[in-house]
């Protein structure tokens, strides 16, 4: 109990002030939350503040955003060749940035990242995993993660799943991310496995095989009889549903309860077709890019996109001019 209390004390400053996480403390908290749910069946509302932090008013949110941004800008300037050159060229002091000056920082082009990915890697980092973007037939963009970052992402992902309260060790999880999206296969897949769920990692295989696996019956002690959670991209989900609606499959053939989606958001038309094939399932939508991972927006039941204040600073860009149209604080 005492160790868990210390772990909680270490987590709060990390979220609020952008300090490094203690992987050991995160693991202790995840274990404590798993035991709490096993014993009591649910987690209290105070558990949400561990991962998301408390609610902020507008002024406090802006102050938190600016503090986090400046802290990251200082580190980036000191530790990466790209941002060191960028801030020197702009004549901006990363320690004293205002919101107006943040809008002066130009967009990082895909070309700059693709042509020289090493310029974005901290000189103090120990790169552990190279992952690549999908969705292109051309040369993909490379992103590097440290072992520490991956462990933190898995732990925080497990936190988020525990707070939902509807995913547990009895679930069977089928993952359809591309092989080169290793960050998602590890970050998301290991988070589900951390809760005790059985995880089956697959590539974006032919839709007929995906459907066959979703319909397959299992006889594993303590597990649901069929796949209950599917993780994929909307585009692949669309291909699976398009094929499935042309077959003799019916909702009674499946045990699917939830689809967790990464990347782009899902259209209402696709949701309707998915439910026609699988029945009344739940959608959990995340809007993100490999280049931004794990920062993402989460879609609520009303279709609004929410970005957590302590996780990052979103900016809306005018598509034609490329200029900042709105900063979400």
Foldseek 3Di string as FASTA:
>chain_A
DVLLVVLLVQQQCCLQQVDAHDLVSLLVPLVVLLVCCVVPVADDPVLVCSQQNDDDDPVSLQVSQLNNQLVVLVQQLVFAQVSVVQCVVVVDRSNDDDPVVVLVRADDDQCNQQVCVRRRDGPPADFDDWAWFDDDPDRTGIDTDGPSVLSVLLSSLLSVVRNVSPAALQAEEEEADAPRRVSCCRNVVSNSVSRNHHYDYDYLDQLVVVVVQQLQADDDPSYDGGHAEYEDAQVSLLNNLVVQVVDPAALVSGNYAEYEHEADDHDPVSVVSSCRRNNDHYYWYWHDGPVDPPFTWTQDPVGDTDGRSSRHKDFDADPPPRGTDDTDD
